[in-house]
PDB file of N, CA and C in Angstrom:
ATOM      1  N   MET A   1      17.340  -2.085 -12.226  1.00  0.00           N
ATOM      2  CA  MET A   1      16.337  -1.888 -11.206  1.00  0.00           C
ATOM      3  C   MET A   1      15.154  -1.116 -11.779  1.00  0.00           C
ATOM      4  N   ALA A   2      13.958  -1.620 -11.550  1.00  0.00           N
ATOM      5  CA  ALA A   2      12.748  -0.928 -11.996  1.00  0.00           C
ATOM      6  C   ALA A   2      12.210  -0.048 -10.875  1.00  0.00           C
ATOM      7  N   ASN A   3      11.775   1.149 -11.238  1.00  0.00           N
ATOM      8  CA  ASN A   3      11.191   2.082 -10.279  1.00  0.00           C
ATOM      9  C   ASN A   3       9.724   2.276 -10.607  1.00  0.00           C
ATOM     10  N   ALA A   4       8.880   2.316  -9.564  1.00  0.00           N
ATOM     11  CA  ALA A   4       7.451   2.553  -9.766  1.00  0.00           C
ATOM     12  C   ALA A   4       6.906   3.386  -8.621  1.00  0.00           C
ATOM     13  N   PHE A   5       6.236   4.499  -8.966  1.00  0.00           N
ATOM     14  CA  PHE A   5       5.536   5.299  -7.965  1.00  0.00           C
ATOM     15  C   PHE A   5       4.181   4.657  -7.715  1.00  0.00           C
ATOM     16  N   LYS A   6       3.834   4.456  -6.438  1.00  0.00           N
ATOM     17  CA  LYS A   6       2.562   3.835  -6.086  1.00  0.00           C
ATOM     18  C   LYS A   6       1.966   4.515  -4.860  1.00  0.00           C
ATOM     19  N   SER A   7       0.651   4.352  -4.695  1.00  0.00           N
ATOM     20  CA  SER A   7       0.002   4.818  -3.478  1.00  0.00           C
ATOM     21  C   SER A   7      -0.870   3.704  -2.923  1.00  0.00           C
ATOM     22  N   TYR A   8      -0.982   3.678  -1.616  1.00  0.00           N
ATOM     23  CA  TYR A   8      -1.752   2.664  -0.905  1.00  0.00           C
ATOM     24  C   TYR A   8      -2.675   3.376   0.074  1.00  0.00           C
ATOM     25  N   THR A   9      -3.900   2.867   0.236  1.00  0.00           N
ATOM     26  CA  THR A   9      -4.885   3.525   1.089  1.00  0.00           C
ATOM     27  C   THR A   9      -5.526   2.543   2.055  1.00  0.00           C
ATOM     28  N   ASP A  10      -6.070   3.106   3.121  1.00  0.00           N
ATOM     29  CA  ASP A  10      -6.900   2.359   4.060  1.00  0.00           C
ATOM     30  C   ASP A  10      -7.908   3.348   4.641  1.00  0.00           C
ATOM     31  N   THR A  11      -9.138   2.900   4.849  1.00  0.00           N
ATOM     32  CA  THR A  11     -10.190   3.777   5.352  1.00  0.00           C
ATOM     33  C   THR A  11     -10.742   3.262   6.668  1.00  0.00           C
ATOM     34  N   GLY A  12     -11.306   4.181   7.427  1.00  0.00           N
ATOM     35  CA  GLY A  12     -11.981   3.810   8.665  1.00  0.00           C
ATOM     36  C   GLY A  12     -11.078   3.215   9.716  1.00  0.00           C
ATOM     37  N   ILE A  13      -9.818   3.634   9.751  1.00  0.00           N
ATOM     38  CA  ILE A  13      -8.874   3.128  10.757  1.00  0.00           C
ATOM     39  C   ILE A  13      -9.306   3.639  12.123  1.00  0.00           C
ATOM     40  N   GLY A  14      -9.232   2.765  13.110  1.00  0.00           N
ATOM     41  CA  GLY A  14      -9.674   3.133  14.456  1.00  0.00           C
ATOM     42  C   GLY A  14      -8.705   2.692  15.525  1.00  0.00           C
ATOM     43  N   THR A  15      -9.240   2.089  16.569  1.00  0.00           N
ATOM     44  CA  THR A  15      -8.463   1.783  17.767  1.00  0.00           C
ATOM     45  C   THR A  15      -7.672   0.473  17.666  1.00  0.00           C
ATOM     46  N   THR A  16      -7.795  -0.230  16.560  1.00  0.00           N
ATOM     47  CA  THR A  16      -6.962  -1.396  16.283  1.00  0.00           C
ATOM     48  C   THR A  16      -5.965  -1.012  15.200  1.00  0.00           C
ATOM     49  N   GLU A  17      -4.699  -1.255  15.459  1.00  0.00           N
ATOM     50  CA  GLU A  17      -3.658  -0.878  14.511  1.00  0.00           C
ATOM     51  C   GLU A  17      -3.907  -1.517  13.142  1.00  0.00           C
ATOM     52  N   ALA A  18      -3.821  -0.690  12.091  1.00  0.00           N
ATOM     53  CA  ALA A  18      -4.050  -1.152  10.723  1.00  0.00           C
ATOM     54  C   ALA A  18      -2.759  -1.046   9.924  1.00  0.00           C
ATOM     55  N   THR A  19      -2.453  -2.061   9.148  1.00  0.00           N
ATOM     56  CA  THR A  19      -1.299  -2.032   8.265  1.00  0.00           C
ATOM     57  C   THR A  19      -1.722  -1.384   6.953  1.00  0.00           C
ATOM     58  N   VAL A  20      -1.184  -0.198   6.682  1.00  0.00           N
ATOM     59  CA  VAL A  20      -1.529   0.527   5.463  1.00  0.00           C
ATOM     60  C   VAL A  20      -0.628   0.108   4.310  1.00  0.00           C
ATOM     61  N   TYR A  21       0.630  -0.227   4.610  1.00  0.00           N
ATOM     62  CA  TYR A  21       1.564  -0.606   3.547  1.00  0.00           C
ATOM     63  C   TYR A  21       2.599  -1.576   4.091  1.00  0.00           C
ATOM     64  N   THR A  22       2.886  -2.619   3.299  1.00  0.00           N
ATOM     65  CA  THR A  22       3.972  -3.550   3.580  1.00  0.00           C
ATOM     66  C   THR A  22       4.825  -3.663   2.321  1.00  0.00           C
ATOM     67  N   VAL A  23       6.138  -3.564   2.480  1.00  0.00           N
ATOM     68  CA  VAL A  23       7.049  -3.648   1.335  1.00  0.00           C
ATOM     69  C   VAL A  23       7.039  -5.078   0.795  1.00  0.00           C
ATOM     70  N   PRO A  24       6.757  -5.230  -0.506  1.00  0.00           N
ATOM     71  CA  PRO A  24       6.731  -6.564  -1.120  1.00  0.00           C
ATOM     72  C   PRO A  24       8.116  -7.219  -1.149  1.00  0.00           C
ATOM     73  N   ALA A  25       8.126  -8.522  -1.447  1.00  0.00           N
ATOM     74  CA  ALA A  25       9.376  -9.282  -1.565  1.00  0.00           C
ATOM     75  C   ALA A  25      10.266  -8.691  -2.653  1.00  0.00           C
ATOM     76  N   SER A  26      11.556  -8.765  -2.437  1.00  0.00           N
ATOM     77  CA  SER A  26      12.574  -8.307  -3.403  1.00  0.00           C
ATOM     78  C   SER A  26      12.393  -6.845  -3.790  1.00  0.00           C
ATOM     79  N   THR A  27      11.952  -6.037  -2.838  1.00  0.00           N
ATOM     80  CA  THR A  27      11.669  -4.623  -3.098  1.00  0.00           C
ATOM     81  C   THR A  27      12.225  -3.756  -1.983  1.00  0.00           C
ATOM     82  N   VAL A  28      12.706  -2.583  -2.356  1.00  0.00           N
ATOM     83  CA  VAL A  28      13.037  -1.519  -1.417  1.00  0.00           C
ATOM     84  C   VAL A  28      12.082  -0.381  -1.733  1.00  0.00           C
ATOM     85  N   ALA A  29      11.550   0.265  -0.706  1.00  0.00           N
ATOM     86  CA  ALA A  29      10.586   1.347  -0.926  1.00  0.00           C
ATOM     87  C   ALA A  29      11.055   2.604  -0.224  1.00  0.00           C
ATOM     88  N   VAL A  30      10.773   3.733  -0.855  1.00  0.00           N
ATOM     89  CA  VAL A  30      11.030   5.038  -0.251  1.00  0.00           C
ATOM     90  C   VAL A  30       9.671   5.697  -0.052  1.00  0.00           C
ATOM     91  N   VAL A  31       9.323   5.951   1.212  1.00  0.00           N
ATOM     92  CA  VAL A  31       8.067   6.635   1.513  1.00  0.00           C
ATOM     93  C   VAL A  31       8.274   8.105   1.207  1.00  0.00           C
ATOM     94  N   ILE A  32       7.450   8.636   0.306  1.00  0.00           N
ATOM     95  CA  ILE A  32       7.585  10.039  -0.079  1.00  0.00           C
ATOM     96  C   ILE A  32       6.453  10.893   0.464  1.00  0.00           C
ATOM     97  N   GLY A  33       5.468  10.252   1.095  1.00  0.00           N
ATOM     98  CA  GLY A  33       4.385  11.005   1.713  1.00  0.00           C
ATOM     99  C   GLY A  33       3.407  10.095   2.406  1.00  0.00           C
ATOM    100  N   CYS A  34       2.772  10.622   3.444  1.00  0.00           N
ATOM    101  CA  CYS A  34       1.718   9.901   4.149  1.00  0.00           C
ATOM    102  C   CYS A  34       0.752  10.928   4.696  1.00  0.00           C
ATOM    103  N   ASN A  35      -0.523  10.754   4.373  1.00  0.00           N
ATOM    104  CA  ASN A  35      -1.547  11.693   4.813  1.00  0.00           C
ATOM    105  C   ASN A  35      -2.583  10.958   5.637  1.00  0.00           C
ATOM    106  N   LEU A  36      -2.913  11.530   6.795  1.00  0.00           N
ATOM    107  CA  LEU A  36      -3.945  10.992   7.668  1.00  0.00           C
ATOM    108  C   LEU A  36      -5.073  12.001   7.733  1.00  0.00           C
ATOM    109  N   ALA A  37      -6.295  11.590   7.380  1.00  0.00           N
ATOM    110  CA  ALA A  37      -7.451  12.492   7.390  1.00  0.00           C
ATOM    111  C   ALA A  37      -8.414  12.085   8.494  1.00  0.00           C
ATOM    112  N   ASN A  38      -8.825  13.065   9.289  1.00  0.00           N
ATOM    113  CA  ASN A  38      -9.823  12.859  10.333  1.00  0.00           C
ATOM    114  C   ASN A  38     -11.195  12.852   9.672  1.00  0.00           C
ATOM    115  N   THR A  39     -11.915  11.753   9.794  1.00  0.00           N
ATOM    116  CA  THR A  39     -13.226  11.636   9.151  1.00  0.00           C
ATOM    117  C   THR A  39     -14.384  11.779  10.140  1.00  0.00           C
ATOM    118  N   THR A  40     -14.072  12.232  11.349  1.00  0.00           N
ATOM    119  CA  THR A  40     -15.109  12.380  12.371  1.00  0.00           C
ATOM    120  C   THR A  40     -15.466  13.854  12.568  1.00  0.00           C
ATOM    121  N   GLY A  41     -16.390  14.099  13.462  1.00  0.00           N
ATOM    122  CA  GLY A  41     -16.786  15.467  13.796  1.00  0.00           C
ATOM    123  C   GLY A  41     -16.052  16.024  14.990  1.00  0.00           C
ATOM    124  N   ASP A  42     -15.090  15.272  15.538  1.00  0.00           N
ATOM    125  CA  ASP A  42     -14.348  15.697  16.728  1.00  0.00           C
ATOM    126  C   ASP A  42     -12.850  15.565  16.484  1.00  0.00           C
ATOM    127  N   GLN A  43     -12.055  16.192  17.346  1.00  0.00           N
ATOM    128  CA  GLN A  43     -10.604  16.029  17.263  1.00  0.00           C
ATOM    129  C   GLN A  43     -10.242  14.604  17.668  1.00  0.00           C
ATOM    130  N   ILE A  44      -9.238  14.060  17.008  1.00  0.00           N
ATOM    131  CA  ILE A  44      -8.717  12.731  17.331  1.00  0.00           C
ATOM    132  C   ILE A  44      -7.203  12.819  17.508  1.00  0.00           C
ATOM    133  N   THR A  45      -6.606  11.737  17.967  1.00  0.00           N
ATOM    134  CA  THR A  45      -5.149  11.614  17.930  1.00  0.00           C
ATOM    135  C   THR A  45      -4.812  10.323  17.185  1.00  0.00           C
ATOM    136  N   ALA A  46      -3.738  10.381  16.415  1.00  0.00           N
ATOM    137  CA  ALA A  46      -3.332   9.225  15.618  1.00  0.00           C
ATOM    138  C   ALA A  46      -1.824   9.029  15.719  1.00  0.00           C
ATOM    139  N   SER A  47      -1.410   7.801  15.453  1.00  0.00           N
ATOM    140  CA  SER A  47       0.009   7.451  15.472  1.00  0.00           C
ATOM    141  C   SER A  47       0.338   6.620  14.241  1.00  0.00           C
ATOM    142  N   VAL A  48       1.599   6.758  13.782  1.00  0.00           N
ATOM    143  CA  VAL A  48       2.104   5.954  12.672  1.00  0.00           C
ATOM    144  C   VAL A  48       3.392   5.298  13.156  1.00  0.00           C
ATOM    145  N   ARG A  49       3.469   3.981  12.945  1.00  0.00           N
ATOM    146  CA  ARG A  49       4.613   3.219  13.420  1.00  0.00           C
ATOM    147  C   ARG A  49       5.251   2.476  12.260  1.00  0.00           C
ATOM    148  N   LEU A  50       6.588   2.476  12.232  1.00  0.00           N
ATOM    149  CA  LEU A  50       7.350   1.681  11.282  1.00  0.00           C
ATOM    150  C   LEU A  50       7.644   0.348  11.953  1.00  0.00           C
ATOM    151  N   ASP A  51       7.043  -0.702  11.422  1.00  0.00           N
ATOM    152  CA  ASP A  51       7.203  -2.054  11.937  1.00  0.00           C
ATOM    153  C   ASP A  51       8.272  -2.739  11.089  1.00  0.00           C
ATOM    154  N   LYS A  52       9.477  -2.842  11.629  1.00  0.00           N
ATOM    155  CA  LYS A  52      10.590  -3.443  10.892  1.00  0.00           C
ATOM    156  C   LYS A  52      10.406  -4.958  10.797  1.00  0.00           C
ATOM    157  N   SER A  53      10.811  -5.526   9.673  1.00  0.00           N
ATOM    158  CA  SER A  53      10.692  -6.974   9.493  1.00  0.00           C
ATOM    159  C   SER A  53      11.570  -7.686  10.514  1.00  0.00           C
ATOM    160  N   VAL A  54      11.139  -8.861  10.890  1.00  0.00           N
ATOM    161  CA  VAL A  54      11.900  -9.659  11.855  1.00  0.00           C
ATOM    162  C   VAL A  54      13.306  -9.925  11.340  1.00  0.00           C
ATOM    163  N   ALA A  55      13.428 -10.140  10.032  1.00  0.00           N
ATOM    164  CA  ALA A  55      14.725 -10.450   9.432  1.00  0.00           C
ATOM    165  C   ALA A  55      15.739  -9.325   9.595  1.00  0.00           C
ATOM    166  N   SER A  56      15.260  -8.085   9.720  1.00  0.00           N
ATOM    167  CA  SER A  56      16.185  -6.949   9.825  1.00  0.00           C
ATOM    168  C   SER A  56      16.866  -6.891  11.183  1.00  0.00           C
ATOM    169  N   GLY A  57      16.226  -7.445  12.216  1.00  0.00           N
ATOM    170  CA  GLY A  57      16.795  -7.399  13.556  1.00  0.00           C
ATOM    171  C   GLY A  57      16.778  -6.014  14.176  1.00  0.00           C
ATOM    172  N   GLN A  58      16.043  -5.089  13.573  1.00  0.00           N
ATOM    173  CA  GLN A  58      15.981  -3.718  14.080  1.00  0.00           C
ATOM    174  C   GLN A  58      14.696  -3.491  14.870  1.00  0.00           C
ATOM    175  N   ASP A  59      14.700  -2.439  15.681  1.00  0.00           N
ATOM    176  CA  ASP A  59      13.544  -2.111  16.504  1.00  0.00           C
ATOM    177  C   ASP A  59      12.449  -1.428  15.699  1.00  0.00           C
ATOM    178  N   ASP A  60      11.198  -1.686  16.082  1.00  0.00           N
ATOM    179  CA  ASP A  60      10.067  -0.940  15.541  1.00  0.00           C
ATOM    180  C   ASP A  60      10.093   0.454  16.180  1.00  0.00           C
ATOM    181  N   VAL A  61       9.692   1.483  15.411  1.00  0.00           N
ATOM    182  CA  VAL A  61       9.732   2.854  15.923  1.00  0.00           C
ATOM    183  C   VAL A  61       8.486   3.622  15.488  1.00  0.00           C
ATOM    184  N   TYR A  62       8.110   4.595  16.304  1.00  0.00           N
ATOM    185  CA  TYR A  62       7.048   5.520  15.913  1.00  0.00           C
ATOM    186  C   TYR A  62       7.632   6.586  15.000  1.00  0.00           C
ATOM    187  N   ILE A  63       6.920   6.884  13.941  1.00  0.00           N
ATOM    188  CA  ILE A  63       7.278   7.999  13.075  1.00  0.00           C
ATOM    189  C   ILE A  63       6.607   9.259  13.603  1.00  0.00           C
ATOM    190  N   VAL A  64       5.369   9.100  14.035  1.00  0.00           N
ATOM    191  CA  VAL A  64       4.630  10.167  14.707  1.00  0.00           C
ATOM    192  C   VAL A  64       3.735   9.472  15.725  1.00  0.00           C
ATOM    193  N   ARG A  65       3.620  10.062  16.925  1.00  0.00           N
ATOM    194  CA  ARG A  65       2.853   9.414  17.987  1.00  0.00           C
ATOM    195  C   ARG A  65       1.889  10.412  18.619  1.00  0.00           C
ATOM    196  N   ASN A  66       0.641  10.007  18.689  1.00  0.00           N
ATOM    197  CA  ASN A  66      -0.421  10.795  19.336  1.00  0.00           C
ATOM    198  C   ASN A  66      -0.513  12.222  18.805  1.00  0.00           C
ATOM    199  N   ILE A  67      -0.452  12.361  17.490  1.00  0.00           N
ATOM    200  CA  ILE A  67      -0.577  13.676  16.869  1.00  0.00           C
ATOM    201  C   ILE A  67      -2.056  14.070  16.849  1.00  0.00           C
ATOM    202  N   PRO A  68      -2.394  15.261  17.356  1.00  0.00           N
ATOM    203  CA  PRO A  68      -3.798  15.688  17.310  1.00  0.00           C
ATOM    204  C   PRO A  68      -4.189  16.110  15.891  1.00  0.00           C
ATOM    205  N   ILE A  69      -5.345  15.643  15.447  1.00  0.00           N
ATOM    206  CA  ILE A  69      -5.871  16.023  14.137  1.00  0.00           C
ATOM    207  C   ILE A  69      -7.273  16.588  14.365  1.00  0.00           C
ATOM    208  N   PRO A  70      -7.450  17.892  14.202  1.00  0.00           N
ATOM    209  CA  PRO A  70      -8.751  18.514  14.444  1.00  0.00           C
ATOM    210  C   PRO A  70      -9.826  18.031  13.465  1.00  0.00           C
ATOM    211  N   ASN A  71     -11.066  18.237  13.847  1.00  0.00           N
ATOM    212  CA  ASN A  71     -12.221  17.928  13.006  1.00  0.00           C
ATOM    213  C   ASN A  71     -12.036  18.543  11.623  1.00  0.00           C
ATOM    214  N   GLY A  72     -12.269  17.748  10.594  1.00  0.00           N
ATOM    215  CA  GLY A  72     -12.209  18.255   9.227  1.00  0.00           C
ATOM    216  C   GLY A  72     -10.810  18.540   8.715  1.00  0.00           C
ATOM    217  N   SER A  73      -9.790  18.030   9.393  1.00  0.00           N
ATOM    218  CA  SER A  73      -8.407  18.311   8.998  1.00  0.00           C
ATOM    219  C   SER A  73      -7.675  17.030   8.642  1.00  0.00           C
ATOM    220  N   SER A  74      -6.481  17.224   8.091  1.00  0.00           N
ATOM    221  CA  SER A  74      -5.604  16.095   7.823  1.00  0.00           C
ATOM    222  C   SER A  74      -4.204  16.452   8.288  1.00  0.00           C
ATOM    223  N   PHE A  75      -3.355  15.455   8.348  1.00  0.00           N
ATOM    224  CA  PHE A  75      -1.980  15.649   8.783  1.00  0.00           C
ATOM    225  C   PHE A  75      -1.062  14.906   7.834  1.00  0.00           C
ATOM    226  N   GLU A  76      -0.097  15.606   7.242  1.00  0.00           N
ATOM    227  CA  GLU A  76       0.916  14.974   6.410  1.00  0.00           C
ATOM    228  C   GLU A  76       2.198  14.931   7.218  1.00  0.00           C
ATOM    229  N   PHE A  77       2.579  13.713   7.625  1.00  0.00           N
ATOM    230  CA  PHE A  77       3.725  13.618   8.530  1.00  0.00           C
ATOM    231  C   PHE A  77       5.059  13.547   7.831  1.00  0.00           C
ATOM    232  N   ASN A  78       5.102  13.315   6.538  1.00  0.00           N
ATOM    233  CA  ASN A  78       6.379  13.063   5.889  1.00  0.00           C
ATOM    234  C   ASN A  78       6.771  14.141   4.887  1.00  0.00           C
ATOM    235  N   ALA A  79       6.217  15.330   5.015  1.00  0.00           N
ATOM    236  CA  ALA A  79       6.477  16.399   4.049  1.00  0.00           C
ATOM    237  C   ALA A  79       7.965  16.731   4.001  1.00  0.00           C
ATOM    238  N   GLY A  80       8.590  16.504   2.849  1.00  0.00           N
ATOM    239  CA  GLY A  80       9.988  16.879   2.657  1.00  0.00           C
ATOM    240  C   GLY A  80      11.009  15.866   3.144  1.00  0.00           C
ATOM    241  N   ASN A  81      10.585  14.860   3.899  1.00  0.00           N
ATOM    242  CA  ASN A  81      11.510  13.845   4.404  1.00  0.00           C
ATOM    243  C   ASN A  81      11.209  12.515   3.738  1.00  0.00           C
ATOM    244  N   LYS A  82      12.192  11.652   3.664  1.00  0.00           N
ATOM    245  CA  LYS A  82      12.020  10.338   3.064  1.00  0.00           C
ATOM    246  C   LYS A  82      12.321   9.265   4.103  1.00  0.00           C
ATOM    247  N   ILE A  83      11.625   8.150   4.006  1.00  0.00           N
ATOM    248  CA  ILE A  83      11.876   7.005   4.873  1.00  0.00           C
ATOM    249  C   ILE A  83      12.121   5.804   3.967  1.00  0.00           C
ATOM    250  N   VAL A  84      13.255   5.154   4.146  1.00  0.00           N
ATOM    251  CA  VAL A  84      13.595   3.979   3.352  1.00  0.00           C
ATOM    252  C   VAL A  84      13.116   2.744   4.111  1.00  0.00           C
ATOM    253  N   MET A  85      12.402   1.876   3.387  1.00  0.00           N
ATOM    254  CA  MET A  85      11.875   0.646   3.975  1.00  0.00           C
ATOM    255  C   MET A  85      12.389  -0.546   3.179  1.00  0.00           C
ATOM    256  N   GLN A  86      12.653  -1.637   3.894  1.00  0.00           N
ATOM    257  CA  GLN A  86      13.159  -2.867   3.280  1.00  0.00           C
ATOM    258  C   GLN A  86      12.028  -3.888   3.144  1.00  0.00           C
ATOM    259  N   THR A  87      12.284  -4.947   2.395  1.00  0.00           N
ATOM    260  CA  THR A  87      11.316  -6.035   2.229  1.00  0.00           C
ATOM    261  C   THR A  87      10.748  -6.462   3.584  1.00  0.00           C
ATOM    262  N   GLY A  88       9.421  -6.523   3.669  1.00  0.00           N
ATOM    263  CA  GLY A  88       8.751  -6.979   4.886  1.00  0.00           C
ATOM    264  C   GLY A  88       8.454  -5.898   5.905  1.00  0.00           C
ATOM    265  N   ASP A  89       9.071  -4.723   5.781  1.00  0.00           N
ATOM    266  CA  ASP A  89       8.755  -3.618   6.691  1.00  0.00           C
ATOM    267  C   ASP A  89       7.330  -3.142   6.422  1.00  0.00           C
ATOM    268  N   ALA A  90       6.662  -2.602   7.454  1.00  0.00           N
ATOM    269  CA  ALA A  90       5.280  -2.162   7.293  1.00  0.00           C
ATOM    270  C   ALA A  90       5.049  -0.829   7.992  1.00  0.00           C
ATOM    271  N   LEU A  91       4.129  -0.033   7.427  1.00  0.00           N
ATOM    272  CA  LEU A  91       3.643   1.188   8.084  1.00  0.00           C
ATOM    273  C   LEU A  91       2.281   0.881   8.678  1.00  0.00           C
ATOM    274  N   LYS A  92       2.135   1.177   9.973  1.00  0.00           N
ATOM    275  CA  LYS A  92       0.897   0.878  10.683  1.00  0.00           C
ATOM    276  C   LYS A  92       0.337   2.153  11.304  1.00  0.00           C
ATOM    277  N   VAL A  93      -0.983   2.277  11.259  1.00  0.00           N
ATOM    278  CA  VAL A  93      -1.672   3.476  11.750  1.00  0.00           C
ATOM    279  C   VAL A  93      -2.705   3.060  12.783  1.00  0.00           C
ATOM    280  N   ILE A  94      -2.865   3.891  13.824  1.00  0.00           N
ATOM    281  CA  ILE A  94      -3.878   3.666  14.852  1.00  0.00           C
ATOM    282  C   ILE A  94      -4.410   5.017  15.309  1.00  0.00           C
ATOM    283  N   SER A  95      -5.644   5.028  15.780  1.00  0.00           N
ATOM    284  CA  SER A  95      -6.286   6.244  16.276  1.00  0.00           C
ATOM    285  C   SER A  95      -6.857   5.973  17.665  1.00  0.00           C
ATOM    286  N   ASP A  96      -7.176   7.033  18.375  1.00  0.00           N
ATOM    287  CA  ASP A  96      -7.816   6.880  19.678  1.00  0.00           C
ATOM    288  C   ASP A  96      -9.340   6.789  19.555  1.00  0.00           C
ATOM    289  N   THR A  97      -9.854   6.862  18.327  1.00  0.00           N
ATOM    290  CA  THR A  97     -11.297   6.875  18.083  1.00  0.00           C
ATOM    291  C   THR A  97     -11.631   5.853  16.999  1.00  0.00           C
ATOM    292  N   ALA A  98     -12.703   5.115  17.207  1.00  0.00           N
ATOM    293  CA  ALA A  98     -13.115   4.085  16.239  1.00  0.00           C
ATOM    294  C   ALA A  98     -13.426   4.691  14.878  1.00  0.00           C
ATOM    295  N   ALA A  99     -13.026   4.002  13.824  1.00  0.00           N
ATOM    296  CA  ALA A  99     -13.357   4.356  12.432  1.00  0.00           C
ATOM    297  C   ALA A  99     -13.210   5.856  12.159  1.00  0.00           C
ATOM    298  N   SER A 100     -12.023   6.405  12.422  1.00  0.00           N
ATOM    299  CA  SER A 100     -11.854   7.857  12.381  1.00  0.00           C
ATOM    300  C   SER A 100     -10.790   8.377  11.426  1.00  0.00           C
ATOM    301  N   VAL A 101      -9.982   7.496  10.833  1.00  0.00           N
ATOM    302  CA  VAL A 101      -8.868   7.956  10.018  1.00  0.00           C
ATOM    303  C   VAL A 101      -8.875   7.269   8.648  1.00  0.00           C
ATOM    304  N   ASP A 102      -8.711   8.076   7.600  1.00  0.00           N
ATOM    305  CA  ASP A 102      -8.397   7.567   6.268  1.00  0.00           C
ATOM    306  C   ASP A 102      -6.925   7.873   6.028  1.00  0.00           C
ATOM    307  N   ALA A 103      -6.187   6.914   5.485  1.00  0.00           N
ATOM    308  CA  ALA A 103      -4.745   7.089   5.281  1.00  0.00           C
ATOM    309  C   ALA A 103      -4.376   6.814   3.832  1.00  0.00           C
ATOM    310  N   VAL A 104      -3.409   7.587   3.336  1.00  0.00           N
ATOM    311  CA  VAL A 104      -2.811   7.308   2.028  1.00  0.00           C
ATOM    312  C   VAL A 104      -1.297   7.406   2.187  1.00  0.00           C
ATOM    313  N   VAL A 105      -0.609   6.404   1.660  1.00  0.00           N
ATOM    314  CA  VAL A 105       0.851   6.352   1.702  1.00  0.00           C
ATOM    315  C   VAL A 105       1.352   6.329   0.261  1.00  0.00           C
ATOM    316  N   SER A 106       2.251   7.251  -0.071  1.00  0.00           N
ATOM    317  CA  SER A 106       2.852   7.300  -1.399  1.00  0.00           C
ATOM    318  C   SER A 106       4.286   6.818  -1.300  1.00  0.00           C
ATOM    319  N   VAL A 107       4.650   5.907  -2.198  1.00  0.00           N
ATOM    320  CA  VAL A 107       5.986   5.315  -2.150  1.00  0.00           C
ATOM    321  C   VAL A 107       6.589   5.225  -3.556  1.00  0.00           C
ATOM    322  N   LEU A 108       7.910   5.149  -3.563  1.00  0.00           N
ATOM    323  CA  LEU A 108       8.655   4.790  -4.766  1.00  0.00           C
ATOM    324  C   LEU A 108       9.214   3.399  -4.481  1.00  0.00           C
ATOM    325  N   GLU A 109       8.758   2.407  -5.241  1.00  0.00           N
ATOM    326  CA  GLU A 109       9.229   1.044  -5.059  1.00  0.00           C
ATOM    327  C   GLU A 109      10.322   0.739  -6.084  1.00  0.00           C
ATOM    328  N   GLN A 110      11.407   0.129  -5.621  1.00  0.00           N
ATOM    329  CA  GLN A 110      12.499  -0.284  -6.489  1.00  0.00           C
ATOM    330  C   GLN A 110      12.612  -1.801  -6.415  1.00  0.00           C
ATOM    331  N   THR A 111      12.518  -2.434  -7.583  1.00  0.00           N
ATOM    332  CA  THR A 111      12.601  -3.902  -7.617  1.00  0.00           C
ATOM    333  C   THR A 111      13.768  -4.332  -8.488  1.00  0.00           C
TER     334      THR A 111
END
């Protein structure tokens, strides 16, 4: 099995859910961190959802929901905890404000 540390980013996330990371085929991923940065001049709220692949037969779940992020701040929701994702699973981010969140997801991919 090959291991690779990778990071994935998305900018200007707003009121439409954005897919920041999807686990590639024949891969298992361990999320080791996720940072959401407020890029506006006002407080916002953001949510991160784990969208399980249809093949898994499992429910989609929120990892964090409606977390307030003050002006000029960021939020790291996965500090110290790990989330295991299977092929086709995705991390999705949404905000209550248009073009307000930059996201970075750090993962260890095993192929």
